[in-house]
Amino acid sequence: MKELSLHVLDIAQNSITADANLIEIMVSEDFVANTLSITISDDGKGMSKEFLKKVRDPFTTTRTSRGVGMGIPLFESAAISCDGCFDITSQLGIGTNVFAQFAHNHIDRQPLGNIAETITTLVFGNPTIDFVYKYNVNGGTFEFDTRIIKETLSGVPIDALEVILWIKGYINEGMEGLK
């Protein structure tokens, strides 16, 4: 994958497949500590301890259409190859947490990419799921929460085109305001 936002999309799709009702995505950039961290958490089915031990193997997947699952191994490899770290924890019936950290200035670190597009794609394609996106830069924070948006919309569908376009602009504006 050419951008980290595509890794986020892939992991969030795993959460959706695991019947998550709430998916939280956090991106933190700390220029002083030279880190870029991404956390994706969900309240889905979770994984058994046995499956969790195998999930980093590209030939382990729950999909029946193909026998490989490259998302987690590729995300882990991207982090490790940039002097970072990777961790995944999960509990059956509770959910899953994926964490990746990168050396921010590493020459091989993929760009973050269009995270606003990723979030709006997830919301548009999954209007019944709630998403929380937090973006931190050197202590400043922007937060987007579909639960608040849905409440404010008073019955207007969150996947209406006008709403999706507004969400994309809102996320882009919020992130730019921190830089």
N, C-alpha and C. Protein backbone atom coordinates (compact mmCIF):
# COMPACT_ATOMS: atom_id res chain seq x y z
N MET A 1 0.85 -1.17 0.00
CA MET A 1 0.00 0.00 0.00
C MET A 1 0.89 1.23 0.00
N LYS A 2 0.46 2.23 -0.73
CA LYS A 2 1.28 3.42 -0.91
C LYS A 2 1.09 4.47 0.17
N GLU A 3 -0.02 4.38 0.91
CA GLU A 3 -0.32 5.36 1.94
C GLU A 3 -0.78 4.67 3.21
N LEU A 4 -0.49 5.27 4.35
CA LEU A 4 -0.93 4.70 5.62
C LEU A 4 -2.45 4.73 5.75
N SER A 5 -3.10 5.71 5.13
CA SER A 5 -4.56 5.77 5.20
C SER A 5 -5.21 4.54 4.59
N LEU A 6 -4.54 3.90 3.64
CA LEU A 6 -5.08 2.67 3.04
C LEU A 6 -4.95 1.49 4.01
N HIS A 7 -3.91 1.50 4.83
CA HIS A 7 -3.81 0.50 5.89
C HIS A 7 -4.96 0.69 6.89
N VAL A 8 -5.23 1.95 7.23
CA VAL A 8 -6.33 2.25 8.15
C VAL A 8 -7.65 1.73 7.57
N LEU A 9 -7.88 1.98 6.29
CA LEU A 9 -9.09 1.50 5.63
C LEU A 9 -9.19 -0.02 5.70
N ASP A 10 -8.09 -0.70 5.45
CA ASP A 10 -8.09 -2.16 5.47
C ASP A 10 -8.38 -2.71 6.87
N ILE A 11 -7.74 -2.16 7.87
CA ILE A 11 -7.96 -2.63 9.24
C ILE A 11 -9.38 -2.31 9.69
N ALA A 12 -9.89 -1.13 9.33
CA ALA A 12 -11.27 -0.77 9.68
C ALA A 12 -12.26 -1.72 9.00
N GLN A 13 -11.95 -2.15 7.77
CA GLN A 13 -12.82 -3.12 7.09
C GLN A 13 -12.83 -4.44 7.86
N ASN A 14 -11.69 -4.82 8.43
CA ASN A 14 -11.66 -6.02 9.30
C ASN A 14 -12.61 -5.84 10.48
N SER A 15 -12.61 -4.64 11.05
CA SER A 15 -13.50 -4.35 12.18
C SER A 15 -14.96 -4.45 11.77
N ILE A 16 -15.27 -3.96 10.59
CA ILE A 16 -16.64 -4.03 10.08
C ILE A 16 -17.05 -5.49 9.89
N THR A 17 -16.16 -6.28 9.33
CA THR A 17 -16.42 -7.71 9.14
C THR A 17 -16.64 -8.42 10.48
N ALA A 18 -15.99 -7.90 11.53
CA ALA A 18 -16.12 -8.48 12.87
C ALA A 18 -17.33 -7.93 13.62
N ASP A 19 -18.26 -7.33 12.88
CA ASP A 19 -19.52 -6.83 13.44
C ASP A 19 -19.36 -5.73 14.48
N ALA A 20 -18.37 -4.88 14.30
CA ALA A 20 -18.18 -3.76 15.22
C ALA A 20 -19.32 -2.75 15.05
N ASN A 21 -19.72 -2.16 16.14
CA ASN A 21 -20.69 -1.06 16.14
C ASN A 21 -19.99 0.28 16.28
N LEU A 22 -18.79 0.25 16.86
CA LEU A 22 -18.00 1.46 17.08
C LEU A 22 -16.55 1.17 16.68
N ILE A 23 -16.02 2.01 15.82
CA ILE A 23 -14.61 1.90 15.40
C ILE A 23 -13.95 3.24 15.69
N GLU A 24 -12.87 3.20 16.47
CA GLU A 24 -12.13 4.41 16.83
C GLU A 24 -10.78 4.37 16.14
N ILE A 25 -10.46 5.48 15.48
CA ILE A 25 -9.21 5.61 14.74
C ILE A 25 -8.48 6.83 15.29
N MET A 26 -7.25 6.63 15.73
CA MET A 26 -6.46 7.74 16.24
C MET A 26 -5.14 7.81 15.49
N VAL A 27 -4.82 9.01 15.02
CA VAL A 27 -3.54 9.28 14.38
C VAL A 27 -2.86 10.36 15.21
N SER A 28 -1.63 10.08 15.64
CA SER A 28 -0.88 11.05 16.45
C SER A 28 0.47 11.31 15.81
N GLU A 29 0.76 12.59 15.61
CA GLU A 29 2.07 12.99 15.11
C GLU A 29 2.76 13.79 16.20
N ASP A 30 3.95 13.37 16.55
CA ASP A 30 4.74 14.07 17.56
C ASP A 30 6.11 14.34 16.95
N PHE A 31 6.30 15.58 16.54
CA PHE A 31 7.54 15.93 15.85
C PHE A 31 8.73 15.97 16.80
N VAL A 32 8.49 16.26 18.07
CA VAL A 32 9.57 16.28 19.06
C VAL A 32 10.07 14.85 19.32
N ALA A 33 9.15 13.92 19.52
CA ALA A 33 9.51 12.52 19.76
C ALA A 33 9.79 11.78 18.45
N ASN A 34 9.54 12.44 17.31
CA ASN A 34 9.76 11.85 15.99
C ASN A 34 8.94 10.58 15.79
N THR A 35 7.65 10.64 16.14
CA THR A 35 6.78 9.47 15.97
C THR A 35 5.49 9.82 15.24
N LEU A 36 5.01 8.87 14.52
CA LEU A 36 3.67 8.90 13.95
C LEU A 36 3.04 7.59 14.40
N SER A 37 1.93 7.68 15.11
CA SER A 37 1.26 6.50 15.65
C SER A 37 -0.16 6.41 15.12
N ILE A 38 -0.58 5.19 14.85
CA ILE A 38 -1.94 4.94 14.39
C ILE A 38 -2.53 3.83 15.25
N THR A 39 -3.71 4.08 15.80
CA THR A 39 -4.43 3.09 16.58
C THR A 39 -5.83 2.93 16.00
N ILE A 40 -6.23 1.69 15.78
CA ILE A 40 -7.58 1.37 15.34
C ILE A 40 -8.16 0.40 16.36
N SER A 41 -9.26 0.79 17.00
CA SER A 41 -9.90 -0.04 18.02
C SER A 41 -11.35 -0.26 17.64
N ASP A 42 -11.86 -1.43 18.00
CA ASP A 42 -13.27 -1.71 17.72
C ASP A 42 -13.90 -2.51 18.85
N ASP A 43 -15.22 -2.57 18.80
CA ASP A 43 -15.99 -3.36 19.77
C ASP A 43 -16.61 -4.58 19.09
N GLY A 44 -15.91 -5.11 18.09
CA GLY A 44 -16.41 -6.26 17.34
C GLY A 44 -16.28 -7.56 18.10
N LYS A 45 -16.36 -8.66 17.35
CA LYS A 45 -16.35 -10.01 17.94
C LYS A 45 -15.05 -10.34 18.67
N GLY A 46 -13.98 -9.72 18.26
CA GLY A 46 -12.69 -10.06 18.84
C GLY A 46 -12.17 -11.37 18.27
N MET A 47 -10.98 -11.75 18.69
CA MET A 47 -10.34 -12.97 18.21
C MET A 47 -9.99 -13.87 19.38
N SER A 48 -10.03 -15.14 19.11
CA SER A 48 -9.57 -16.10 20.13
C SER A 48 -8.06 -15.95 20.29
N LYS A 49 -7.55 -16.42 21.40
CA LYS A 49 -6.10 -16.37 21.64
C LYS A 49 -5.35 -17.14 20.56
N GLU A 50 -5.93 -18.25 20.12
CA GLU A 50 -5.28 -19.07 19.09
C GLU A 50 -5.20 -18.33 17.76
N PHE A 51 -6.32 -17.69 17.37
CA PHE A 51 -6.31 -16.96 16.10
C PHE A 51 -5.41 -15.74 16.19
N LEU A 52 -5.41 -15.06 17.33
CA LEU A 52 -4.57 -13.89 17.52
C LEU A 52 -3.09 -14.23 17.34
N LYS A 53 -2.68 -15.42 17.77
CA LYS A 53 -1.29 -15.86 17.61
C LYS A 53 -0.92 -16.03 16.14
N LYS A 54 -1.91 -16.33 15.29
CA LYS A 54 -1.65 -16.61 13.87
C LYS A 54 -1.96 -15.44 12.95
N VAL A 55 -2.60 -14.39 13.45
CA VAL A 55 -3.13 -13.34 12.58
C VAL A 55 -2.05 -12.56 11.83
N ARG A 56 -0.83 -12.58 12.29
CA ARG A 56 0.26 -11.88 11.60
C ARG A 56 0.83 -12.69 10.43
N ASP A 57 0.40 -13.92 10.30
CA ASP A 57 0.80 -14.79 9.20
C ASP A 57 -0.06 -14.46 7.98
N PRO A 58 0.55 -14.10 6.83
CA PRO A 58 -0.24 -13.74 5.66
C PRO A 58 -1.14 -14.86 5.13
N PHE A 59 -0.90 -16.08 5.53
CA PHE A 59 -1.72 -17.19 5.07
C PHE A 59 -2.82 -17.54 6.07
N THR A 60 -3.07 -16.61 7.00
CA THR A 60 -4.16 -16.77 7.96
C THR A 60 -5.21 -15.73 7.63
N THR A 61 -6.43 -16.15 7.41
CA THR A 61 -7.52 -15.25 7.11
C THR A 61 -8.84 -15.91 7.46
N THR A 62 -9.85 -15.10 7.69
CA THR A 62 -11.19 -15.64 7.91
C THR A 62 -11.99 -15.63 6.61
N ARG A 63 -11.43 -15.04 5.58
CA ARG A 63 -12.11 -14.97 4.28
C ARG A 63 -12.18 -16.35 3.65
N THR A 64 -13.31 -16.59 2.99
CA THR A 64 -13.46 -17.86 2.28
C THR A 64 -13.18 -17.71 0.80
N SER A 65 -13.10 -16.46 0.33
CA SER A 65 -12.88 -16.22 -1.10
C SER A 65 -11.42 -16.36 -1.52
N ARG A 66 -10.52 -16.25 -0.56
CA ARG A 66 -9.09 -16.42 -0.86
C ARG A 66 -8.38 -16.85 0.41
N GLY A 67 -7.22 -17.44 0.23
CA GLY A 67 -6.52 -18.03 1.37
C GLY A 67 -5.44 -17.17 1.97
N VAL A 68 -5.43 -15.88 1.68
CA VAL A 68 -4.41 -15.00 2.25
C VAL A 68 -5.07 -13.79 2.89
N GLY A 69 -4.42 -13.26 3.89
CA GLY A 69 -4.85 -12.04 4.56
C GLY A 69 -3.63 -11.16 4.76
N MET A 70 -3.39 -10.25 3.84
CA MET A 70 -2.15 -9.48 3.84
C MET A 70 -2.19 -8.18 4.65
N GLY A 71 -3.37 -7.71 5.04
CA GLY A 71 -3.50 -6.40 5.66
C GLY A 71 -2.68 -6.22 6.91
N ILE A 72 -2.85 -7.08 7.88
CA ILE A 72 -2.12 -6.95 9.14
C ILE A 72 -0.63 -7.18 8.93
N PRO A 73 -0.19 -8.22 8.22
CA PRO A 73 1.25 -8.39 8.00
C PRO A 73 1.90 -7.21 7.26
N LEU A 74 1.20 -6.62 6.28
CA LEU A 74 1.76 -5.48 5.57
C LEU A 74 1.86 -4.25 6.46
N PHE A 75 0.84 -4.02 7.29
CA PHE A 75 0.85 -2.88 8.21
C PHE A 75 1.99 -3.03 9.22
N GLU A 76 2.14 -4.24 9.75
CA GLU A 76 3.22 -4.51 10.69
C GLU A 76 4.58 -4.29 10.03
N SER A 77 4.75 -4.80 8.84
CA SER A 77 6.01 -4.65 8.12
C SER A 77 6.33 -3.18 7.85
N ALA A 78 5.31 -2.42 7.48
CA ALA A 78 5.52 -0.99 7.22
C ALA A 78 6.03 -0.28 8.47
N ALA A 79 5.48 -0.62 9.62
CA ALA A 79 5.91 0.02 10.88
C ALA A 79 7.31 -0.41 11.27
N ILE A 80 7.57 -1.71 11.25
CA ILE A 80 8.87 -2.23 11.69
C ILE A 80 9.99 -1.73 10.78
N SER A 81 9.71 -1.65 9.48
CA SER A 81 10.76 -1.22 8.54
C SER A 81 11.08 0.27 8.67
N CYS A 82 10.28 1.00 9.43
CA CYS A 82 10.52 2.43 9.65
C CYS A 82 10.88 2.70 11.10
N ASP A 83 11.65 1.79 11.68
CA ASP A 83 12.11 1.92 13.07
C ASP A 83 10.97 2.10 14.05
N GLY A 84 9.86 1.44 13.78
CA GLY A 84 8.69 1.56 14.64
C GLY A 84 8.36 0.25 15.30
N CYS A 85 7.11 0.13 15.70
CA CYS A 85 6.65 -1.08 16.36
C CYS A 85 5.19 -1.33 15.99
N PHE A 86 4.73 -2.52 16.31
CA PHE A 86 3.37 -2.92 15.96
C PHE A 86 2.85 -3.84 17.05
N ASP A 87 1.57 -3.68 17.38
CA ASP A 87 0.96 -4.56 18.36
C ASP A 87 -0.51 -4.74 18.02
N ILE A 88 -1.01 -5.91 18.28
CA ILE A 88 -2.43 -6.19 18.12
C ILE A 88 -2.89 -7.00 19.32
N THR A 89 -3.98 -6.54 19.92
CA THR A 89 -4.57 -7.24 21.06
C THR A 89 -6.04 -7.44 20.75
N SER A 90 -6.60 -8.50 21.31
CA SER A 90 -8.01 -8.79 21.06
C SER A 90 -8.55 -9.71 22.14
N GLN A 91 -9.84 -9.56 22.41
CA GLN A 91 -10.54 -10.45 23.32
C GLN A 91 -11.88 -10.81 22.70
N LEU A 92 -12.20 -12.07 22.74
CA LEU A 92 -13.50 -12.52 22.22
C LEU A 92 -14.63 -11.78 22.92
N GLY A 93 -15.55 -11.29 22.13
CA GLY A 93 -16.71 -10.60 22.68
C GLY A 93 -16.45 -9.18 23.14
N ILE A 94 -15.22 -8.73 23.09
CA ILE A 94 -14.85 -7.39 23.56
C ILE A 94 -14.41 -6.51 22.40
N GLY A 95 -13.53 -7.02 21.55
CA GLY A 95 -13.04 -6.24 20.42
C GLY A 95 -11.55 -6.38 20.21
N THR A 96 -11.04 -5.55 19.30
CA THR A 96 -9.65 -5.64 18.87
C THR A 96 -9.02 -4.25 18.85
N ASN A 97 -7.73 -4.20 19.14
CA ASN A 97 -6.96 -2.97 19.11
C ASN A 97 -5.69 -3.21 18.29
N VAL A 98 -5.49 -2.40 17.27
CA VAL A 98 -4.30 -2.48 16.43
C VAL A 98 -3.52 -1.19 16.60
N PHE A 99 -2.23 -1.30 16.86
CA PHE A 99 -1.37 -0.14 17.08
C PHE A 99 -0.12 -0.26 16.21
N ALA A 100 0.19 0.81 15.50
CA ALA A 100 1.42 0.87 14.71
C ALA A 100 2.09 2.22 14.96
N GLN A 101 3.39 2.17 15.14
CA GLN A 101 4.15 3.41 15.34
C GLN A 101 5.33 3.42 14.38
N PHE A 102 5.61 4.59 13.84
CA PHE A 102 6.65 4.79 12.85
C PHE A 102 7.58 5.91 13.28
N ALA A 103 8.85 5.84 12.88
CA ALA A 103 9.72 7.00 13.02
C ALA A 103 9.21 8.02 12.00
N HIS A 104 8.79 9.17 12.48
CA HIS A 104 8.12 10.15 11.63
C HIS A 104 8.98 10.55 10.43
N ASN A 105 10.25 10.77 10.67
CA ASN A 105 11.11 11.26 9.60
C ASN A 105 11.84 10.16 8.83
N HIS A 106 11.45 8.91 9.04
CA HIS A 106 12.12 7.80 8.35
C HIS A 106 11.90 7.94 6.84
N ILE A 107 12.96 7.78 6.09
CA ILE A 107 12.90 7.98 4.64
C ILE A 107 11.93 7.02 3.95
N ASP A 108 11.72 5.85 4.53
CA ASP A 108 10.83 4.86 3.93
C ASP A 108 9.40 4.90 4.45
N ARG A 109 9.12 5.81 5.38
CA ARG A 109 7.75 5.88 5.91
C ARG A 109 6.80 6.37 4.84
N GLN A 110 5.73 5.61 4.67
CA GLN A 110 4.70 6.01 3.71
C GLN A 110 4.03 7.29 4.20
N PRO A 111 3.56 8.13 3.28
CA PRO A 111 2.82 9.31 3.73
C PRO A 111 1.49 8.89 4.36
N LEU A 112 0.95 9.74 5.20
CA LEU A 112 -0.34 9.45 5.82
C LEU A 112 -1.41 9.29 4.75
N GLY A 113 -1.35 10.08 3.72
CA GLY A 113 -2.33 9.98 2.64
C GLY A 113 -3.60 10.75 2.98
N ASN A 114 -4.64 10.46 2.25
CA ASN A 114 -5.89 11.20 2.38
C ASN A 114 -6.79 10.54 3.43
N ILE A 115 -6.48 10.81 4.69
CA ILE A 115 -7.23 10.18 5.78
C ILE A 115 -8.69 10.69 5.82
N ALA A 116 -8.93 11.93 5.40
CA ALA A 116 -10.31 12.43 5.35
C ALA A 116 -11.13 11.62 4.35
N GLU A 117 -10.54 11.27 3.23
CA GLU A 117 -11.21 10.43 2.24
C GLU A 117 -11.48 9.04 2.82
N THR A 118 -10.51 8.51 3.55
CA THR A 118 -10.68 7.19 4.18
C THR A 118 -11.83 7.20 5.17
N ILE A 119 -11.89 8.19 6.02
CA ILE A 119 -12.95 8.27 7.03
C ILE A 119 -14.31 8.45 6.35
N THR A 120 -14.39 9.34 5.37
CA THR A 120 -15.68 9.54 4.71
C THR A 120 -16.12 8.30 3.92
N THR A 121 -15.18 7.58 3.35
CA THR A 121 -15.51 6.32 2.66
C THR A 121 -16.11 5.32 3.65
N LEU A 122 -15.49 5.22 4.82
CA LEU A 122 -16.01 4.30 5.84
C LEU A 122 -17.41 4.70 6.30
N VAL A 123 -17.62 5.99 6.53
CA VAL A 123 -18.93 6.47 6.98
C VAL A 123 -19.98 6.25 5.89
N PHE A 124 -19.65 6.61 4.65
CA PHE A 124 -20.59 6.48 3.54
C PHE A 124 -21.00 5.03 3.32
N GLY A 125 -20.03 4.13 3.39
CA GLY A 125 -20.31 2.72 3.13
C GLY A 125 -20.91 1.97 4.30
N ASN A 126 -20.89 2.59 5.49
CA ASN A 126 -21.34 1.90 6.70
C ASN A 126 -22.08 2.88 7.61
N PRO A 127 -23.21 3.40 7.17
CA PRO A 127 -23.89 4.45 7.94
C PRO A 127 -24.44 4.02 9.29
N THR A 128 -24.59 2.72 9.52
CA THR A 128 -25.11 2.27 10.82
C THR A 128 -24.01 2.06 11.85
N ILE A 129 -22.77 2.12 11.41
CA ILE A 129 -21.63 1.96 12.33
C ILE A 129 -21.17 3.34 12.77
N ASP A 130 -20.78 3.46 14.01
CA ASP A 130 -20.25 4.73 14.51
C ASP A 130 -18.73 4.73 14.41
N PHE A 131 -18.20 5.88 13.99
CA PHE A 131 -16.77 6.07 13.85
C PHE A 131 -16.34 7.29 14.65
N VAL A 132 -15.22 7.14 15.36
CA VAL A 132 -14.59 8.26 16.05
C VAL A 132 -13.19 8.37 15.46
N TYR A 133 -12.86 9.56 14.98
CA TYR A 133 -11.53 9.82 14.44
C TYR A 133 -10.90 10.93 15.26
N LYS A 134 -9.73 10.65 15.81
CA LYS A 134 -8.98 11.65 16.58
C LYS A 134 -7.63 11.85 15.90
N TYR A 135 -7.27 13.11 15.74
CA TYR A 135 -5.99 13.46 15.13
C TYR A 135 -5.26 14.38 16.10
N ASN A 136 -4.10 13.94 16.55
CA ASN A 136 -3.30 14.71 17.50
C ASN A 136 -2.00 15.13 16.83
N VAL A 137 -1.65 16.39 16.99
CA VAL A 137 -0.36 16.89 16.52
C VAL A 137 0.26 17.70 17.65
N ASN A 138 1.37 17.20 18.17
CA ASN A 138 2.12 17.90 19.22
C ASN A 138 1.22 18.43 20.32
N GLY A 139 0.25 17.64 20.75
CA GLY A 139 -0.60 18.02 21.88
C GLY A 139 -1.93 18.64 21.47
N GLY A 140 -2.06 19.15 20.25
CA GLY A 140 -3.34 19.68 19.79
C GLY A 140 -4.19 18.54 19.25
N THR A 141 -5.51 18.61 19.42
CA THR A 141 -6.37 17.50 19.04
C THR A 141 -7.58 17.99 18.23
N PHE A 142 -7.88 17.23 17.18
CA PHE A 142 -9.12 17.38 16.43
C PHE A 142 -9.88 16.07 16.59
N GLU A 143 -11.19 16.15 16.81
CA GLU A 143 -11.98 14.92 16.96
C GLU A 143 -13.25 15.00 16.13
N PHE A 144 -13.55 13.88 15.48
CA PHE A 144 -14.77 13.71 14.69
C PHE A 144 -15.48 12.48 15.23
N ASP A 145 -16.79 12.60 15.48
CA ASP A 145 -17.55 11.50 16.07
C ASP A 145 -18.92 11.43 15.38
N THR A 146 -19.17 10.32 14.68
CA THR A 146 -20.44 10.21 13.96
C THR A 146 -21.64 10.20 14.90
N ARG A 147 -21.47 9.80 16.14
CA ARG A 147 -22.60 9.81 17.06
C ARG A 147 -23.10 11.23 17.27
N ILE A 148 -22.18 12.18 17.37
CA ILE A 148 -22.56 13.59 17.53
C ILE A 148 -23.18 14.12 16.24
N ILE A 149 -22.60 13.76 15.11
CA ILE A 149 -23.12 14.21 13.82
C ILE A 149 -24.54 13.68 13.61
N LYS A 150 -24.74 12.39 13.88
CA LYS A 150 -26.07 11.79 13.69
C LYS A 150 -27.12 12.48 14.57
N GLU A 151 -26.74 12.80 15.79
CA GLU A 151 -27.66 13.48 16.70
C GLU A 151 -28.01 14.87 16.17
N THR A 152 -27.02 15.56 15.64
CA THR A 152 -27.21 16.91 15.11
C THR A 152 -28.07 16.89 13.85
N LEU A 153 -27.94 15.83 13.04
CA LEU A 153 -28.67 15.75 11.77
C LEU A 153 -30.17 15.55 11.94
N SER A 154 -30.62 15.12 13.09
CA SER A 154 -32.05 14.95 13.38
C SER A 154 -32.80 14.24 12.26
N GLY A 155 -32.34 13.05 11.91
CA GLY A 155 -33.07 12.24 10.94
C GLY A 155 -32.54 12.29 9.52
N VAL A 156 -31.71 13.27 9.19
CA VAL A 156 -31.10 13.30 7.86
C VAL A 156 -30.06 12.18 7.83
N PRO A 157 -30.07 11.34 6.80
CA PRO A 157 -29.12 10.23 6.76
C PRO A 157 -27.67 10.71 6.69
N ILE A 158 -26.81 10.09 7.48
CA ILE A 158 -25.41 10.49 7.51
C ILE A 158 -24.72 10.17 6.19
N ASP A 159 -25.29 9.24 5.41
CA ASP A 159 -24.68 8.90 4.13
C ASP A 159 -25.26 9.70 2.96
N ALA A 160 -26.04 10.75 3.26
CA ALA A 160 -26.50 11.65 2.20
C ALA A 160 -25.28 12.36 1.61
N LEU A 161 -25.26 12.54 0.31
CA LEU A 161 -24.10 13.10 -0.37
C LEU A 161 -23.67 14.45 0.22
N GLU A 162 -24.62 15.32 0.51
CA GLU A 162 -24.27 16.63 1.06
C GLU A 162 -23.58 16.49 2.42
N VAL A 163 -24.05 15.54 3.20
CA VAL A 163 -23.46 15.32 4.53
C VAL A 163 -22.05 14.75 4.38
N ILE A 164 -21.88 13.80 3.49
CA ILE A 164 -20.56 13.19 3.27
C ILE A 164 -19.56 14.25 2.81
N LEU A 165 -19.98 15.10 1.87
CA LEU A 165 -19.08 16.17 1.40
C LEU A 165 -18.73 17.12 2.54
N TRP A 166 -19.71 17.43 3.39
CA TRP A 166 -19.44 18.29 4.54
C TRP A 166 -18.45 17.61 5.49
N ILE A 167 -18.66 16.31 5.76
CA ILE A 167 -17.77 15.57 6.66
C ILE A 167 -16.34 15.62 6.16
N LYS A 168 -16.15 15.37 4.87
CA LYS A 168 -14.80 15.39 4.30
C LYS A 168 -14.15 16.76 4.48
N GLY A 169 -14.88 17.81 4.20
CA GLY A 169 -14.35 19.16 4.38
C GLY A 169 -14.06 19.48 5.84
N TYR A 170 -14.96 19.04 6.71
CA TYR A 170 -14.80 19.28 8.15
C TYR A 170 -13.52 18.60 8.68
N ILE A 171 -13.30 17.36 8.27
CA ILE A 171 -12.10 16.64 8.71
C ILE A 171 -10.85 17.31 8.16
N ASN A 172 -10.85 17.64 6.88
CA ASN A 172 -9.69 18.31 6.29
C ASN A 172 -9.38 19.63 6.99
N GLU A 173 -10.43 20.42 7.24
CA GLU A 173 -10.27 21.71 7.92
C GLU A 173 -9.76 21.53 9.34
N GLY A 174 -10.31 20.56 10.06
CA GLY A 174 -9.87 20.31 11.44
C GLY A 174 -8.42 19.89 11.52
N MET A 175 -8.00 19.05 10.59
CA MET A 175 -6.61 18.61 10.58
C MET A 175 -5.67 19.74 10.19
N GLU A 176 -6.06 20.52 9.21
CA GLU A 176 -5.22 21.65 8.78
C GLU A 176 -5.06 22.67 9.91
N GLY A 177 -6.10 22.83 10.72
CA GLY A 177 -6.04 23.78 11.81
C GLY A 177 -5.01 23.44 12.88
N LEU A 178 -4.52 22.21 12.88
CA LEU A 178 -3.53 21.78 13.88
C LEU A 178 -2.09 21.92 13.37
N LYS A 179 -1.94 22.17 12.11
CA LYS A 179 -0.57 22.20 11.55
C LYS A 179 0.01 23.58 11.56
